[in-house]
Amino acid sequence: MDQRYYTIKQAASLLGVSALTLRNWDKNGKLVAYRHPMNNYRVYKKDDLDSVIKSIETNPRKSRKLRVNLEEE
């Protein structure tokens, strides 16, 4: 299985949120960010992003409430 990683900018664009939102999710443990070994930048696993997208697609009402709650914190 190919393990693909996305930068914070790529992940934010894919999910339709800001990079700051992803940083907050990482800080609060909502979405785990991994660190690049050379520069310590945040990177996100493709599988983790796919899980977030799947949860949004399967239950849009729940994800809308979750998004509002996460952004208010």
PDB file of N, CA and C in Angstrom:
ATOM      1  N   MET A   1       0.847  -1.179   0.000  1.00  0.00           N
ATOM      2  CA  MET A   1       0.000   0.000   0.000  1.00  0.00           C
ATOM      3  C   MET A   1       0.891   1.241   0.000  1.00  0.00           C
ATOM      4  N   ASP A   2       0.614   2.127  -0.917  1.00  0.00           N
ATOM      5  CA  ASP A   2       1.384   3.360  -1.042  1.00  0.00           C
ATOM      6  C   ASP A   2       0.946   4.349   0.032  1.00  0.00           C
ATOM      7  N   GLN A   3       1.910   4.811   0.847  1.00  0.00           N
ATOM      8  CA  GLN A   3       1.607   5.774   1.908  1.00  0.00           C
ATOM      9  C   GLN A   3       1.921   7.171   1.391  1.00  0.00           C
ATOM     10  N   ARG A   4       0.879   7.926   1.089  1.00  0.00           N
ATOM     11  CA  ARG A   4       1.051   9.256   0.539  1.00  0.00           C
ATOM     12  C   ARG A   4       0.786  10.286   1.621  1.00  0.00           C
ATOM     13  N   TYR A   5       1.611  11.314   1.650  1.00  0.00           N
ATOM     14  CA  TYR A   5       1.458  12.400   2.608  1.00  0.00           C
ATOM     15  C   TYR A   5       1.160  13.700   1.879  1.00  0.00           C
ATOM     16  N   TYR A   6       0.389  14.566   2.540  1.00  0.00           N
ATOM     17  CA  TYR A   6       0.044  15.872   1.988  1.00  0.00           C
ATOM     18  C   TYR A   6       0.566  16.959   2.914  1.00  0.00           C
ATOM     19  N   THR A   7       1.007  18.059   2.318  1.00  0.00           N
ATOM     20  CA  THR A   7       1.402  19.216   3.122  1.00  0.00           C
ATOM     21  C   THR A   7       0.146  19.827   3.730  1.00  0.00           C
ATOM     22  N   ILE A   8       0.339  20.728   4.665  1.00  0.00           N
ATOM     23  CA  ILE A   8      -0.812  21.358   5.312  1.00  0.00           C
ATOM     24  C   ILE A   8      -1.633  22.157   4.300  1.00  0.00           C
ATOM     25  N   LYS A   9      -0.969  22.798   3.361  1.00  0.00           N
ATOM     26  CA  LYS A   9      -1.674  23.574   2.340  1.00  0.00           C
ATOM     27  C   LYS A   9      -2.497  22.663   1.430  1.00  0.00           C
ATOM     28  N   GLN A  10      -1.914  21.555   1.016  1.00  0.00           N
ATOM     29  CA  GLN A  10      -2.631  20.606   0.172  1.00  0.00           C
ATOM     30  C   GLN A  10      -3.812  19.988   0.906  1.00  0.00           C
ATOM     31  N   ALA A  11      -3.601  19.609   2.164  1.00  0.00           N
ATOM     32  CA  ALA A  11      -4.671  18.996   2.956  1.00  0.00           C
ATOM     33  C   ALA A  11      -5.808  19.981   3.193  1.00  0.00           C
ATOM     34  N   ALA A  12      -5.475  21.221   3.497  1.00  0.00           N
ATOM     35  CA  ALA A  12      -6.504  22.241   3.723  1.00  0.00           C
ATOM     36  C   ALA A  12      -7.334  22.451   2.464  1.00  0.00           C
ATOM     37  N   SER A  13      -6.683  22.507   1.336  1.00  0.00           N
ATOM     38  CA  SER A  13      -7.388  22.687   0.067  1.00  0.00           C
ATOM     39  C   SER A  13      -8.295  21.495  -0.224  1.00  0.00           C
ATOM     40  N   LEU A  14      -7.793  20.303   0.009  1.00  0.00           N
ATOM     41  CA  LEU A  14      -8.566  19.089  -0.227  1.00  0.00           C
ATOM     42  C   LEU A  14      -9.813  19.028   0.652  1.00  0.00           C
ATOM     43  N   LEU A  15      -9.694  19.455   1.916  1.00  0.00           N
ATOM     44  CA  LEU A  15     -10.813  19.396   2.853  1.00  0.00           C
ATOM     45  C   LEU A  15     -11.704  20.634   2.808  1.00  0.00           C
ATOM     46  N   GLY A  16     -11.220  21.694   2.181  1.00  0.00           N
ATOM     47  CA  GLY A  16     -12.021  22.916   2.099  1.00  0.00           C
ATOM     48  C   GLY A  16     -12.012  23.726   3.383  1.00  0.00           C
ATOM     49  N   VAL A  17     -10.923  23.651   4.115  1.00  0.00           N
ATOM     50  CA  VAL A  17     -10.762  24.426   5.351  1.00  0.00           C
ATOM     51  C   VAL A  17      -9.440  25.184   5.257  1.00  0.00           C
ATOM     52  N   SER A  18      -9.194  26.053   6.219  1.00  0.00           N
ATOM     53  CA  SER A  18      -7.935  26.796   6.211  1.00  0.00           C
ATOM     54  C   SER A  18      -6.827  25.990   6.884  1.00  0.00           C
ATOM     55  N   ALA A  19      -5.606  26.391   6.619  1.00  0.00           N
ATOM     56  CA  ALA A  19      -4.464  25.752   7.273  1.00  0.00           C
ATOM     57  C   ALA A  19      -4.524  25.976   8.784  1.00  0.00           C
ATOM     58  N   LEU A  20      -5.014  27.123   9.194  1.00  0.00           N
ATOM     59  CA  LEU A  20      -5.158  27.403  10.623  1.00  0.00           C
ATOM     60  C   LEU A  20      -6.131  26.420  11.281  1.00  0.00           C
ATOM     61  N   THR A  21      -7.210  26.089  10.584  1.00  0.00           N
ATOM     62  CA  THR A  21      -8.162  25.105  11.104  1.00  0.00           C
ATOM     63  C   THR A  21      -7.470  23.759  11.307  1.00  0.00           C
ATOM     64  N   LEU A  22      -6.653  23.340  10.349  1.00  0.00           N
ATOM     65  CA  LEU A  22      -5.928  22.072  10.499  1.00  0.00           C
ATOM     66  C   LEU A  22      -4.954  22.130  11.664  1.00  0.00           C
ATOM     67  N   ARG A  23      -4.296  23.267  11.856  1.00  0.00           N
ATOM     68  CA  ARG A  23      -3.394  23.404  13.004  1.00  0.00           C
ATOM     69  C   ARG A  23      -4.162  23.282  14.319  1.00  0.00           C
ATOM     70  N   ASN A  24      -5.342  23.891  14.357  1.00  0.00           N
ATOM     71  CA  ASN A  24      -6.177  23.788  15.563  1.00  0.00           C
ATOM     72  C   ASN A  24      -6.649  22.357  15.787  1.00  0.00           C
ATOM     73  N   TRP A  25      -7.044  21.665  14.725  1.00  0.00           N
ATOM     74  CA  TRP A  25      -7.463  20.276  14.857  1.00  0.00           C
ATOM     75  C   TRP A  25      -6.317  19.422  15.376  1.00  0.00           C
ATOM     76  N   ASP A  26      -5.108  19.696  14.895  1.00  0.00           N
ATOM     77  CA  ASP A  26      -3.936  18.964  15.367  1.00  0.00           C
ATOM     78  C   ASP A  26      -3.698  19.257  16.849  1.00  0.00           C
ATOM     79  N   LYS A  27      -3.774  20.502  17.222  1.00  0.00           N
ATOM     80  CA  LYS A  27      -3.558  20.909  18.612  1.00  0.00           C
ATOM     81  C   LYS A  27      -4.577  20.260  19.549  1.00  0.00           C
ATOM     82  N   ASN A  28      -5.824  20.138  19.075  1.00  0.00           N
ATOM     83  CA  ASN A  28      -6.897  19.565  19.894  1.00  0.00           C
ATOM     84  C   ASN A  28      -7.063  18.055  19.718  1.00  0.00           C
ATOM     85  N   GLY A  29      -6.244  17.450  18.875  1.00  0.00           N
ATOM     86  CA  GLY A  29      -6.294  16.008  18.675  1.00  0.00           C
ATOM     87  C   GLY A  29      -7.426  15.536  17.790  1.00  0.00           C
ATOM     88  N   LYS A  30      -8.028  16.434  17.029  1.00  0.00           N
ATOM     89  CA  LYS A  30      -9.152  16.060  16.161  1.00  0.00           C
ATOM     90  C   LYS A  30      -8.681  15.369  14.883  1.00  0.00           C
ATOM     91  N   LEU A  31      -7.535  15.781  14.364  1.00  0.00           N
ATOM     92  CA  LEU A  31      -6.933  15.181  13.174  1.00  0.00           C
ATOM     93  C   LEU A  31      -5.420  15.181  13.392  1.00  0.00           C
ATOM     94  N   VAL A  32      -4.843  14.003  13.402  1.00  0.00           N
ATOM     95  CA  VAL A  32      -3.423  13.873  13.718  1.00  0.00           C
ATOM     96  C   VAL A  32      -2.565  14.354  12.552  1.00  0.00           C
ATOM     97  N   ALA A  33      -1.618  15.206  12.867  1.00  0.00           N
ATOM     98  CA  ALA A  33      -0.617  15.623  11.893  1.00  0.00           C
ATOM     99  C   ALA A  33       0.690  14.942  12.248  1.00  0.00           C
ATOM    100  N   TYR A  34       1.356  14.463  11.237  1.00  0.00           N
ATOM    101  CA  TYR A  34       2.671  13.870  11.424  1.00  0.00           C
ATOM    102  C   TYR A  34       3.704  14.932  11.070  1.00  0.00           C
ATOM    103  N   ARG A  35       4.939  14.694  11.431  1.00  0.00           N
ATOM    104  CA  ARG A  35       5.993  15.671  11.180  1.00  0.00           C
ATOM    105  C   ARG A  35       6.996  15.118  10.174  1.00  0.00           C
ATOM    106  N   HIS A  36       7.334  15.973   9.209  1.00  0.00           N
ATOM    107  CA  HIS A  36       8.350  15.615   8.229  1.00  0.00           C
ATOM    108  C   HIS A  36       9.684  15.492   8.970  1.00  0.00           C
ATOM    109  N   PRO A  37      10.436  14.429   8.744  1.00  0.00           N
ATOM    110  CA  PRO A  37      11.654  14.214   9.528  1.00  0.00           C
ATOM    111  C   PRO A  37      12.774  15.234   9.258  1.00  0.00           C
ATOM    112  N   MET A  38      12.771  15.861   8.115  1.00  0.00           N
ATOM    113  CA  MET A  38      13.851  16.797   7.786  1.00  0.00           C
ATOM    114  C   MET A  38      13.565  18.230   8.248  1.00  0.00           C
ATOM    115  N   ASN A  39      12.311  18.660   8.109  1.00  0.00           N
ATOM    116  CA  ASN A  39      12.015  20.068   8.406  1.00  0.00           C
ATOM    117  C   ASN A  39      10.976  20.263   9.510  1.00  0.00           C
ATOM    118  N   ASN A  40      10.426  19.180  10.024  1.00  0.00           N
ATOM    119  CA  ASN A  40       9.445  19.197  11.108  1.00  0.00           C
ATOM    120  C   ASN A  40       8.110  19.859  10.725  1.00  0.00           C
ATOM    121  N   TYR A  41       7.852  20.021   9.429  1.00  0.00           N
ATOM    122  CA  TYR A  41       6.566  20.561   8.980  1.00  0.00           C
ATOM    123  C   TYR A  41       5.468  19.527   9.185  1.00  0.00           C
ATOM    124  N   ARG A  42       4.256  20.009   9.343  1.00  0.00           N
ATOM    125  CA  ARG A  42       3.117  19.097   9.461  1.00  0.00           C
ATOM    126  C   ARG A  42       2.830  18.462   8.101  1.00  0.00           C
ATOM    127  N   VAL A  43       2.560  17.165   8.137  1.00  0.00           N
ATOM    128  CA  VAL A  43       2.092  16.444   6.959  1.00  0.00           C
ATOM    129  C   VAL A  43       0.945  15.545   7.405  1.00  0.00           C
ATOM    130  N   TYR A  44       0.074  15.240   6.468  1.00  0.00           N
ATOM    131  CA  TYR A  44      -1.121  14.453   6.769  1.00  0.00           C
ATOM    132  C   TYR A  44      -1.165  13.224   5.880  1.00  0.00           C
ATOM    133  N   LYS A  45      -1.507  12.094   6.488  1.00  0.00           N
ATOM    134  CA  LYS A  45      -1.623  10.849   5.732  1.00  0.00           C
ATOM    135  C   LYS A  45      -2.877  10.881   4.865  1.00  0.00           C
ATOM    136  N   LYS A  46      -2.736  10.353   3.670  1.00  0.00           N
ATOM    137  CA  LYS A  46      -3.860  10.286   2.733  1.00  0.00           C
ATOM    138  C   LYS A  46      -5.028   9.518   3.338  1.00  0.00           C
ATOM    139  N   ASP A  47      -4.745   8.430   4.024  1.00  0.00           N
ATOM    140  CA  ASP A  47      -5.807   7.613   4.627  1.00  0.00           C
ATOM    141  C   ASP A  47      -6.605   8.410   5.658  1.00  0.00           C
ATOM    142  N   ASP A  48      -5.925   9.242   6.449  1.00  0.00           N
ATOM    143  CA  ASP A  48      -6.614  10.063   7.453  1.00  0.00           C
ATOM    144  C   ASP A  48      -7.514  11.098   6.788  1.00  0.00           C
ATOM    145  N   LEU A  49      -7.019  11.717   5.725  1.00  0.00           N
ATOM    146  CA  LEU A  49      -7.826  12.715   5.012  1.00  0.00           C
ATOM    147  C   LEU A  49      -9.016  12.054   4.334  1.00  0.00           C
ATOM    148  N   ASP A  50      -8.793  10.863   3.773  1.00  0.00           N
ATOM    149  CA  ASP A  50      -9.900  10.126   3.149  1.00  0.00           C
ATOM    150  C   ASP A  50     -10.980   9.796   4.171  1.00  0.00           C
ATOM    151  N   SER A  51     -10.583   9.479   5.393  1.00  0.00           N
ATOM    152  CA  SER A  51     -11.559   9.184   6.450  1.00  0.00           C
ATOM    153  C   SER A  51     -12.405  10.409   6.786  1.00  0.00           C
ATOM    154  N   VAL A  52     -11.772  11.574   6.846  1.00  0.00           N
ATOM    155  CA  VAL A  52     -12.512  12.812   7.118  1.00  0.00           C
ATOM    156  C   VAL A  52     -13.494  13.089   5.981  1.00  0.00           C
ATOM    157  N   ILE A  53     -13.033  12.948   4.748  1.00  0.00           N
ATOM    158  CA  ILE A  53     -13.901  13.185   3.585  1.00  0.00           C
ATOM    159  C   ILE A  53     -15.066  12.207   3.586  1.00  0.00           C
ATOM    160  N   LYS A  54     -14.787  10.947   3.890  1.00  0.00           N
ATOM    161  CA  LYS A  54     -15.851   9.931   3.918  1.00  0.00           C
ATOM    162  C   LYS A  54     -16.893  10.262   4.981  1.00  0.00           C
ATOM    163  N   SER A  55     -16.446  10.714   6.150  1.00  0.00           N
ATOM    164  CA  SER A  55     -17.402  11.051   7.213  1.00  0.00           C
ATOM    165  C   SER A  55     -18.257  12.252   6.820  1.00  0.00           C
ATOM    166  N   ILE A  56     -17.682  13.179   6.085  1.00  0.00           N
ATOM    167  CA  ILE A  56     -18.452  14.339   5.612  1.00  0.00           C
ATOM    168  C   ILE A  56     -19.480  13.902   4.581  1.00  0.00           C
ATOM    169  N   GLU A  57     -19.071  13.024   3.665  1.00  0.00           N
ATOM    170  CA  GLU A  57     -19.978  12.571   2.610  1.00  0.00           C
ATOM    171  C   GLU A  57     -21.102  11.705   3.137  1.00  0.00           C
ATOM    172  N   THR A  58     -20.839  10.895   4.157  1.00  0.00           N
ATOM    173  CA  THR A  58     -21.861   9.973   4.645  1.00  0.00           C
ATOM    174  C   THR A  58     -22.846  10.634   5.598  1.00  0.00           C
ATOM    175  N   ASN A  59     -22.430  11.694   6.266  1.00  0.00           N
ATOM    176  CA  ASN A  59     -23.319  12.357   7.212  1.00  0.00           C
ATOM    177  C   ASN A  59     -23.079  13.868   7.189  1.00  0.00           C
ATOM    178  N   PRO A  60     -23.593  14.556   6.165  1.00  0.00           N
ATOM    179  CA  PRO A  60     -23.313  15.991   6.036  1.00  0.00           C
ATOM    180  C   PRO A  60     -23.828  16.834   7.197  1.00  0.00           C
ATOM    181  N   ARG A  61     -24.929  16.469   7.809  1.00  0.00           N
ATOM    182  CA  ARG A  61     -25.448  17.256   8.943  1.00  0.00           C
ATOM    183  C   ARG A  61     -24.510  17.186  10.129  1.00  0.00           C
ATOM    184  N   LYS A  62     -24.036  15.991  10.442  1.00  0.00           N
ATOM    185  CA  LYS A  62     -23.125  15.816  11.561  1.00  0.00           C
ATOM    186  C   LYS A  62     -21.815  16.557  11.307  1.00  0.00           C
ATOM    187  N   SER A  63     -21.293  16.462  10.095  1.00  0.00           N
ATOM    188  CA  SER A  63     -20.017  17.124   9.793  1.00  0.00           C
ATOM    189  C   SER A  63     -20.163  18.638   9.829  1.00  0.00           C
ATOM    190  N   ARG A  64     -21.327  19.164   9.441  1.00  0.00           N
ATOM    191  CA  ARG A  64     -21.541  20.608   9.501  1.00  0.00           C
ATOM    192  C   ARG A  64     -21.511  21.068  10.952  1.00  0.00           C
ATOM    193  N   LYS A  65     -22.162  20.326  11.848  1.00  0.00           N
ATOM    194  CA  LYS A  65     -22.138  20.664  13.269  1.00  0.00           C
ATOM    195  C   LYS A  65     -20.732  20.523  13.830  1.00  0.00           C
ATOM    196  N   LEU A  66     -20.036  19.471  13.432  1.00  0.00           N
ATOM    197  CA  LEU A  66     -18.678  19.249  13.892  1.00  0.00           C
ATOM    198  C   LEU A  66     -17.775  20.386  13.440  1.00  0.00           C
ATOM    199  N   ARG A  67     -17.928  20.817  12.218  1.00  0.00           N
ATOM    200  CA  ARG A  67     -17.087  21.886  11.689  1.00  0.00           C
ATOM    201  C   ARG A  67     -17.327  23.180  12.454  1.00  0.00           C
ATOM    202  N   VAL A  68     -18.564  23.501  12.724  1.00  0.00           N
ATOM    203  CA  VAL A  68     -18.860  24.714  13.483  1.00  0.00           C
ATOM    204  C   VAL A  68     -18.247  24.636  14.869  1.00  0.00           C
ATOM    205  N   ASN A  69     -18.416  23.497  15.538  1.00  0.00           N
ATOM    206  CA  ASN A  69     -17.871  23.330  16.881  1.00  0.00           C
ATOM    207  C   ASN A  69     -16.350  23.405  16.895  1.00  0.00           C
ATOM    208  N   LEU A  70     -15.699  22.811  15.925  1.00  0.00           N
ATOM    209  CA  LEU A  70     -14.248  22.837  15.876  1.00  0.00           C
ATOM    210  C   LEU A  70     -13.707  24.228  15.623  1.00  0.00           C
ATOM    211  N   GLU A  71     -14.373  25.011  14.801  1.00  0.00           N
ATOM    212  CA  GLU A  71     -13.893  26.338  14.478  1.00  0.00           C
ATOM    213  C   GLU A  71     -14.126  27.319  15.614  1.00  0.00           C
ATOM    214  N   GLU A  72     -15.104  27.037  16.478  1.00  0.00           N
ATOM    215  CA  GLU A  72     -15.384  27.931  17.603  1.00  0.00           C
ATOM    216  C   GLU A  72     -14.374  27.763  18.725  1.00  0.00           C
ATOM    217  N   GLU A  73     -13.724  26.597  18.811  1.00  0.00           N
ATOM    218  CA  GLU A  73     -12.787  26.328  19.908  1.00  0.00           C
ATOM    219  C   GLU A  73     -11.519  27.110  19.759  1.00  0.00           C
TER     220      GLU A  73
END
